[in-house]
Amino acid sequence: MQKETGLVVVTGIGGFLGTHVAAQLLRAGYDVRGTLRSLKRAKVVEAAIRSAEGATAGKLSFVQADLLSDDGWEAAFSGAAGAIHTASPFPSSVPRNEDELIRPAREGTLRVLRIAKEAGIRRVVLTSSIAAVNYGSGRAPFTESDWTDVDGPLATPYYKSKTLAERAAWDFARENGLELVVINPGMILGPILGKDSGTSVGVVQSLLKGRYPAMPDFSVSVVDVRDVAEVHVLALTVPEAAGERFIAGGEALSVKDIASVLKRDFPAYARKLPKFVLPNWLAGLAARFDPGLKLIIRELGRDARVSNEKARRVLGWKPRSEEDAIRASAHSLIAAGLV
């Protein structure tokens, strides 16, 4: 996609990642049209995006569109040269019915790809997740050749939703001649824009607020939201990216590792940070009463390392350190008065 052609659609522009993707695009000289489930949020979302450094220029507009309805999508993609599909539900607890996540993720992705194809858009960048990579027969460090087994013992409803949506996207792209690039991020931390901390940064928020009396033995690949946004923009334009998936994740850190960074760099909050790591058997008991812990209980003590070599080699991606992402989360939460 040539920059001169101008307009890029960002679905889910009001989300943590969506706001940063929009800011990166504006900074790079694109115009941006974002989709929101309700235009009542448009002014708040625009203010958040414009607050990012270098995102004051360029045209920013919004269209109301929901992943489970055709309404608004044709208008959203009209005249656009490219699209970045970030919209997908991300839970803070296990849903009662897994279809609450799977249906909007899969159907919404196919709806976006179909209408993008009809609008003449050549390349679509899809936000998937390492949730679609790490939970199959592969071993760490996981690569883009690994896939989550949706029928396996580690497949939560969220992991299933991301995997089934990505599989469906690749099938559609092959059958319809659409140029697709997929980004599989790790746990996204970094600075919030506005007042919405999102689920991932919510972990840092909860640590700083003293909500965790103890920590599970859980590790996950950490990445800065600014770097994930950048890799999406790179995926729009790098010719060699077409038809490829890219892991956008850094070092796998435990909750204890994250807490250690916060304790060292934000000593005023040290007394609120947990000091005790839960034995796995005790975490299993606690998960019966903790919806967040129930999401990760089967992964405790698991090797979660991933390789980002492909993104570095093909896209020229150079991410920040994981510690930078943690610090940026904390600084922005403090500045926003959220801790």
Protein backbone atom coordinates (compact mmCIF):
# COMPACT_ATOMS: atom_id res chain seq x y z
CA MET A 1 0.00 0.00 0.00
CA GLN A 2 1.37 3.40 -0.96
CA LYS A 3 1.24 6.11 1.66
CA GLU A 4 0.02 8.65 -0.92
CA THR A 5 -3.28 6.79 -1.25
CA GLY A 6 -4.20 8.05 2.16
CA LEU A 7 -6.99 6.46 4.16
CA VAL A 8 -6.68 3.45 6.47
CA VAL A 9 -9.59 1.91 8.37
CA VAL A 10 -8.93 0.83 11.97
CA THR A 11 -11.59 -1.41 13.49
CA GLY A 12 -11.90 -1.30 17.25
CA ILE A 13 -10.20 2.09 17.29
CA GLY A 14 -11.42 2.77 20.83
CA GLY A 15 -9.45 -0.12 22.31
CA PHE A 16 -6.01 0.04 23.92
CA LEU A 17 -4.24 -1.17 20.79
CA GLY A 18 -6.62 0.58 18.37
CA THR A 19 -5.88 4.03 19.77
CA HIS A 20 -2.15 3.48 19.39
CA VAL A 21 -2.48 2.08 15.86
CA ALA A 22 -4.45 5.17 14.89
CA ALA A 23 -1.85 7.46 16.47
CA GLN A 24 0.98 5.67 14.60
CA LEU A 25 -0.87 5.99 11.30
CA LEU A 26 -1.56 9.69 11.80
CA ARG A 27 2.07 10.24 12.76
CA ALA A 28 3.14 8.46 9.56
CA GLY A 29 0.98 10.74 7.39
CA TYR A 30 -2.13 8.62 6.83
CA ASP A 31 -5.74 9.65 7.32
CA VAL A 32 -7.65 7.33 9.66
CA ARG A 33 -11.26 6.20 9.83
CA GLY A 34 -12.13 4.18 12.92
CA THR A 35 -15.07 1.97 13.77
CA LEU A 36 -16.85 2.21 17.11
CA ARG A 37 -19.84 0.28 18.42
CA SER A 38 -21.27 3.62 19.54
CA LEU A 39 -20.43 7.10 18.27
CA LYS A 40 -21.14 8.43 21.76
CA ARG A 41 -17.50 7.60 22.51
CA ALA A 42 -16.11 9.37 19.43
CA LYS A 43 -15.02 12.58 21.17
CA VAL A 44 -13.35 10.75 24.05
CA VAL A 45 -11.55 8.37 21.68
CA GLU A 46 -10.41 11.20 19.42
CA ALA A 47 -9.05 13.13 22.40
CA ALA A 48 -7.14 10.05 23.54
CA ILE A 49 -5.61 9.46 20.10
CA ARG A 50 -4.71 13.11 19.57
CA SER A 51 -2.97 13.15 22.97
CA ALA A 52 -0.26 10.86 21.58
CA GLU A 53 2.92 12.61 20.55
CA GLY A 54 2.89 13.57 16.87
CA ALA A 55 -0.73 12.53 16.27
CA THR A 56 -2.25 16.00 15.91
CA ALA A 57 -2.10 16.18 12.09
CA GLY A 58 -4.11 14.13 9.59
CA LYS A 59 -7.83 13.50 9.26
CA LEU A 60 -9.49 11.32 11.88
CA SER A 61 -13.11 10.22 11.49
CA PHE A 62 -15.44 7.58 12.91
CA VAL A 63 -18.20 5.24 11.74
CA GLN A 64 -20.55 3.26 13.93
CA ALA A 65 -20.24 -0.46 13.22
CA ASP A 66 -20.65 -3.67 15.22
CA LEU A 67 -18.90 -6.95 14.47
CA LEU A 68 -22.21 -8.83 14.55
CA SER A 69 -24.07 -6.60 12.07
CA ASP A 70 -23.50 -5.49 8.47
CA ASP A 71 -24.68 -1.97 9.32
CA GLY A 72 -22.04 0.71 8.84
CA TRP A 73 -19.26 -1.45 7.42
CA GLU A 74 -19.72 -0.46 3.79
CA ALA A 75 -19.47 3.22 4.77
CA ALA A 76 -16.46 2.44 6.94
CA PHE A 77 -14.46 0.94 4.06
CA SER A 78 -15.59 3.27 1.29
CA GLY A 79 -12.57 4.93 -0.35
CA ALA A 80 -10.03 3.26 1.96
CA ALA A 81 -6.68 1.94 0.72
CA GLY A 82 -5.94 -0.40 3.63
CA ALA A 83 -7.44 -1.80 6.81
CA ILE A 84 -6.20 -2.90 10.22
CA HIS A 85 -8.65 -5.13 12.07
CA THR A 86 -7.93 -4.88 15.80
CA ALA A 87 -11.49 -5.32 17.08
CA SER A 88 -12.10 -8.49 19.09
CA PRO A 89 -13.46 -9.22 22.57
CA PHE A 90 -10.86 -9.69 25.32
CA PRO A 91 -12.24 -11.12 28.58
CA SER A 92 -11.23 -10.50 32.18
CA SER A 93 -12.88 -13.77 33.23
CA VAL A 94 -14.11 -17.01 31.67
CA PRO A 95 -17.47 -16.37 29.94
CA ARG A 96 -20.47 -18.55 30.78
CA ASN A 97 -20.80 -19.46 27.11
CA GLU A 98 -17.66 -19.62 24.96
CA ASP A 99 -19.69 -18.51 21.93
CA GLU A 100 -19.87 -15.05 23.54
CA LEU A 101 -16.23 -14.73 22.43
CA ILE A 102 -15.96 -17.12 19.49
CA ARG A 103 -18.94 -15.87 17.49
CA PRO A 104 -18.07 -12.14 17.35
CA ALA A 105 -14.37 -12.91 16.81
CA ARG A 106 -14.91 -15.33 13.90
CA GLU A 107 -18.01 -13.80 12.32
CA GLY A 108 -16.73 -10.28 12.82
CA THR A 109 -13.41 -11.08 11.18
CA LEU A 110 -15.09 -12.67 8.17
CA ARG A 111 -17.48 -9.73 7.87
CA VAL A 112 -14.60 -7.25 7.89
CA LEU A 113 -12.61 -9.23 5.31
CA ARG A 114 -15.61 -9.69 3.02
CA ILE A 115 -16.55 -6.02 2.99
CA ALA A 116 -12.92 -4.96 2.65
CA LYS A 117 -12.63 -7.22 -0.41
CA GLU A 118 -15.85 -5.78 -1.88
CA ALA A 119 -14.49 -2.25 -1.30
CA GLY A 120 -11.40 -3.05 -3.36
CA ILE A 121 -8.95 -2.99 -0.46
CA ARG A 122 -5.88 -5.00 -1.40
CA ARG A 123 -4.27 -5.64 1.99
CA VAL A 124 -5.77 -6.22 5.42
CA VAL A 125 -3.73 -6.53 8.61
CA LEU A 126 -5.42 -8.68 11.24
CA THR A 127 -4.64 -8.61 14.97
CA SER A 128 -4.57 -12.16 16.24
CA SER A 129 -2.61 -13.22 19.34
CA ILE A 130 -0.03 -15.62 20.66
CA ALA A 131 -3.18 -17.23 22.04
CA ALA A 132 -3.50 -18.71 18.54
CA VAL A 133 0.11 -19.92 18.61
CA ASN A 134 1.22 -21.21 22.01
CA TYR A 135 -1.30 -23.88 22.99
CA GLY A 136 -0.90 -26.81 20.64
CA SER A 137 1.75 -29.47 20.14
CA GLY A 138 4.62 -26.98 19.70
CA ARG A 139 7.34 -26.25 22.22
CA ALA A 140 8.96 -23.03 23.40
CA PRO A 141 10.23 -20.87 21.94
CA PHE A 142 7.07 -20.84 19.84
CA THR A 143 7.20 -19.57 16.25
CA GLU A 144 4.73 -18.62 13.52
CA SER A 145 4.59 -22.27 12.41
CA ASP A 146 2.90 -23.23 15.70
CA TRP A 147 -0.87 -23.26 16.14
CA THR A 148 -3.13 -23.63 19.16
CA ASP A 149 -5.17 -26.83 19.28
CA VAL A 150 -8.75 -25.67 19.88
CA ASP A 151 -9.64 -29.15 21.17
CA GLY A 152 -6.60 -29.40 23.43
CA PRO A 153 -6.54 -29.15 27.23
CA LEU A 154 -5.06 -25.63 27.27
CA ALA A 155 -7.64 -24.06 24.93
CA THR A 156 -9.70 -21.52 26.87
CA PRO A 157 -12.67 -19.82 25.16
CA TYR A 158 -10.48 -16.78 24.41
CA TYR A 159 -7.71 -18.89 22.88
CA LYS A 160 -10.31 -20.71 20.79
CA SER A 161 -11.82 -17.42 19.62
CA LYS A 162 -8.49 -16.05 18.41
CA THR A 163 -7.46 -19.33 16.77
CA LEU A 164 -10.74 -19.97 14.98
CA ALA A 165 -10.96 -16.35 13.82
CA GLU A 166 -7.43 -16.44 12.42
CA ARG A 167 -7.95 -19.82 10.73
CA ALA A 168 -11.14 -18.50 9.12
CA ALA A 169 -9.31 -15.37 7.97
CA TRP A 170 -6.58 -17.38 6.22
CA ASP A 171 -9.19 -19.57 4.51
CA PHE A 172 -11.08 -16.49 3.29
CA ALA A 173 -7.91 -14.80 2.04
CA ARG A 174 -6.85 -17.87 0.06
CA GLU A 175 -10.28 -18.39 -1.46
CA ASN A 176 -10.83 -14.73 -2.38
CA GLY A 177 -7.38 -13.51 -3.38
CA LEU A 178 -7.14 -11.03 -0.49
CA GLU A 179 -3.70 -9.97 0.70
CA LEU A 180 -3.67 -10.76 4.42
CA VAL A 181 -1.04 -10.16 7.09
CA VAL A 182 -1.57 -11.40 10.64
CA ILE A 183 0.08 -10.05 13.79
CA ASN A 184 0.23 -12.30 16.88
CA PRO A 185 1.08 -10.08 19.87
CA GLY A 186 2.02 -11.18 23.35
CA MET A 187 0.66 -9.50 26.49
CA ILE A 188 0.41 -5.84 25.50
CA LEU A 189 1.59 -3.32 28.09
CA GLY A 190 2.79 0.28 27.69
CA PRO A 191 1.24 3.73 28.03
CA ILE A 192 -2.52 4.13 28.02
CA LEU A 193 -4.09 6.92 25.99
CA GLY A 194 -7.00 8.44 27.89
CA LYS A 195 -8.50 6.80 30.97
CA ASP A 196 -9.16 3.24 29.77
CA SER A 197 -6.53 0.84 31.08
CA GLY A 198 -7.79 -2.27 29.28
CA THR A 199 -7.37 -5.85 30.47
CA SER A 200 -3.60 -6.25 30.04
CA VAL A 201 -2.51 -2.98 31.65
CA GLY A 202 -5.14 -3.77 34.26
CA VAL A 203 -2.68 -6.36 35.62
CA VAL A 204 -0.15 -3.58 36.34
CA GLN A 205 -2.93 -1.44 37.76
CA SER A 206 -4.04 -4.23 40.10
CA LEU A 207 -0.47 -4.82 41.26
CA LEU A 208 0.05 -1.13 42.06
CA LYS A 209 -3.28 -0.94 43.88
CA GLY A 210 -2.44 -3.91 46.09
CA ARG A 211 -5.24 -6.12 44.76
CA TYR A 212 -3.04 -9.23 44.58
CA PRO A 213 -2.22 -10.73 47.98
CA ALA A 214 -0.03 -13.28 46.18
CA MET A 215 1.17 -14.10 42.67
CA PRO A 216 0.55 -17.18 40.53
CA ASP A 217 3.52 -18.87 38.83
CA PHE A 218 2.40 -17.54 35.45
CA SER A 219 4.61 -16.24 32.64
CA VAL A 220 3.74 -14.56 29.36
CA SER A 221 5.55 -12.81 26.53
CA VAL A 222 5.41 -9.04 27.13
CA VAL A 223 5.44 -6.32 24.45
CA ASP A 224 4.94 -2.55 24.35
CA VAL A 225 1.73 -1.32 22.72
CA ARG A 226 3.69 1.28 20.72
CA ASP A 227 5.76 -1.49 19.17
CA VAL A 228 2.68 -3.59 18.40
CA ALA A 229 1.11 -0.56 16.71
CA GLU A 230 4.30 0.00 14.73
CA VAL A 231 4.43 -3.60 13.52
CA HIS A 232 0.84 -3.26 12.24
CA VAL A 233 1.78 -0.18 10.23
CA LEU A 234 4.88 -1.92 8.86
CA ALA A 235 2.71 -4.87 7.87
CA LEU A 236 0.61 -2.58 5.69
CA THR A 237 3.48 -1.56 3.46
CA VAL A 238 6.32 -4.11 3.47
CA PRO A 239 5.84 -6.17 0.27
CA GLU A 240 7.33 -9.35 1.80
CA ALA A 241 4.73 -9.29 4.60
CA ALA A 242 1.89 -10.42 2.31
CA GLY A 243 0.48 -13.79 3.29
CA GLU A 244 2.55 -14.03 6.49
CA ARG A 245 1.90 -14.11 10.22
CA PHE A 246 4.28 -12.38 12.65
CA ILE A 247 4.76 -12.89 16.37
CA ALA A 248 5.05 -9.51 18.11
CA GLY A 249 6.23 -10.46 21.56
CA GLY A 250 9.26 -10.06 23.77
CA GLU A 251 10.73 -11.96 26.68
CA ALA A 252 8.39 -14.14 28.72
CA LEU A 253 8.07 -12.56 32.17
CA SER A 254 6.38 -13.91 35.26
CA VAL A 255 4.03 -11.87 37.43
CA LYS A 256 6.89 -11.84 39.94
CA ASP A 257 9.22 -10.34 37.30
CA ILE A 258 6.71 -7.58 36.56
CA ALA A 259 6.23 -6.86 40.26
CA SER A 260 10.02 -6.69 40.74
CA VAL A 261 10.32 -3.97 38.07
CA LEU A 262 7.52 -1.99 39.71
CA LYS A 263 9.05 -2.38 43.17
CA ARG A 264 12.44 -1.15 41.96
CA ASP A 265 11.24 1.78 39.82
CA PHE A 266 8.15 2.85 41.79
CA PRO A 267 9.23 2.47 45.45
CA ALA A 268 6.25 4.50 46.69
CA TYR A 269 4.04 1.55 45.74
CA ALA A 270 6.37 -1.19 47.00
CA ARG A 271 4.35 -1.97 50.13
CA LYS A 272 1.26 -2.71 48.01
CA LEU A 273 3.01 -5.20 45.75
CA PRO A 274 2.67 -8.92 46.51
CA LYS A 275 5.70 -10.76 47.88
CA PHE A 276 4.47 -14.35 47.89
CA VAL A 277 4.27 -16.71 44.88
CA LEU A 278 1.38 -19.13 45.17
CA PRO A 279 2.22 -22.82 44.91
CA ASN A 280 0.35 -24.27 41.93
CA TRP A 281 -1.84 -26.50 44.10
CA LEU A 282 -2.96 -23.51 46.15
CA ALA A 283 -3.55 -21.44 43.02
CA GLY A 284 -5.77 -24.27 41.78
CA LEU A 285 -7.92 -23.95 44.88
CA ALA A 286 -8.00 -20.15 44.66
CA ALA A 287 -9.06 -20.27 40.98
CA ARG A 288 -12.45 -21.59 42.08
CA PHE A 289 -13.16 -18.16 43.53
CA ASP A 290 -11.05 -15.89 41.27
CA PRO A 291 -12.35 -15.44 37.68
CA GLY A 292 -9.04 -13.96 36.49
CA LEU A 293 -6.98 -16.80 37.95
CA LYS A 294 -9.35 -19.33 36.41
CA LEU A 295 -8.34 -18.02 32.96
CA ILE A 296 -4.71 -19.06 33.39
CA ILE A 297 -4.81 -21.92 35.87
CA ARG A 298 -3.79 -24.59 33.33
CA GLU A 299 -0.67 -22.64 32.32
CA LEU A 300 1.02 -22.25 35.69
CA GLY A 301 4.74 -23.04 35.48
CA ARG A 302 4.59 -23.40 31.69
CA ASP A 303 7.40 -22.23 29.37
CA ALA A 304 5.86 -19.30 27.44
CA ARG A 305 8.85 -18.15 25.39
CA VAL A 306 8.25 -17.02 21.80
CA SER A 307 10.52 -16.00 18.92
CA ASN A 308 10.12 -12.59 17.27
CA GLU A 309 12.99 -13.22 14.83
CA LYS A 310 10.70 -13.24 11.79
CA ALA A 311 9.21 -9.80 12.53
CA ARG A 312 12.69 -8.38 13.07
CA ARG A 313 14.05 -9.91 9.88
CA VAL A 314 11.17 -9.34 7.45
CA LEU A 315 9.66 -6.11 8.81
CA GLY A 316 12.75 -4.51 10.34
CA TRP A 317 10.96 -4.40 13.68
CA LYS A 318 12.97 -3.18 16.68
CA PRO A 319 10.86 -3.36 19.84
CA ARG A 320 11.54 -1.65 23.15
CA SER A 321 12.53 -3.63 26.22
CA GLU A 322 9.90 -5.36 28.31
CA GLU A 323 10.91 -3.23 31.30
CA ASP A 324 10.20 -0.08 29.28
CA ALA A 325 6.69 -1.38 28.60
CA ILE A 326 6.08 -2.08 32.29
CA ARG A 327 7.39 1.33 33.36
CA ALA A 328 5.32 3.12 30.70
CA SER A 329 2.19 1.34 31.92
CA ALA A 330 2.81 2.45 35.48
CA HIS A 331 3.74 6.04 34.60
CA SER A 332 0.58 6.49 32.50
CA LEU A 333 -1.68 4.91 35.12
CA ILE A 334 -0.26 7.21 37.78
CA ALA A 335 -0.57 10.27 35.52
CA ALA A 336 -4.20 9.37 34.75
CA GLY A 337 -5.00 9.03 38.44
CA LEU A 338 -5.95 5.36 38.04
CA VAL A 339 -3.75 4.04 40.88
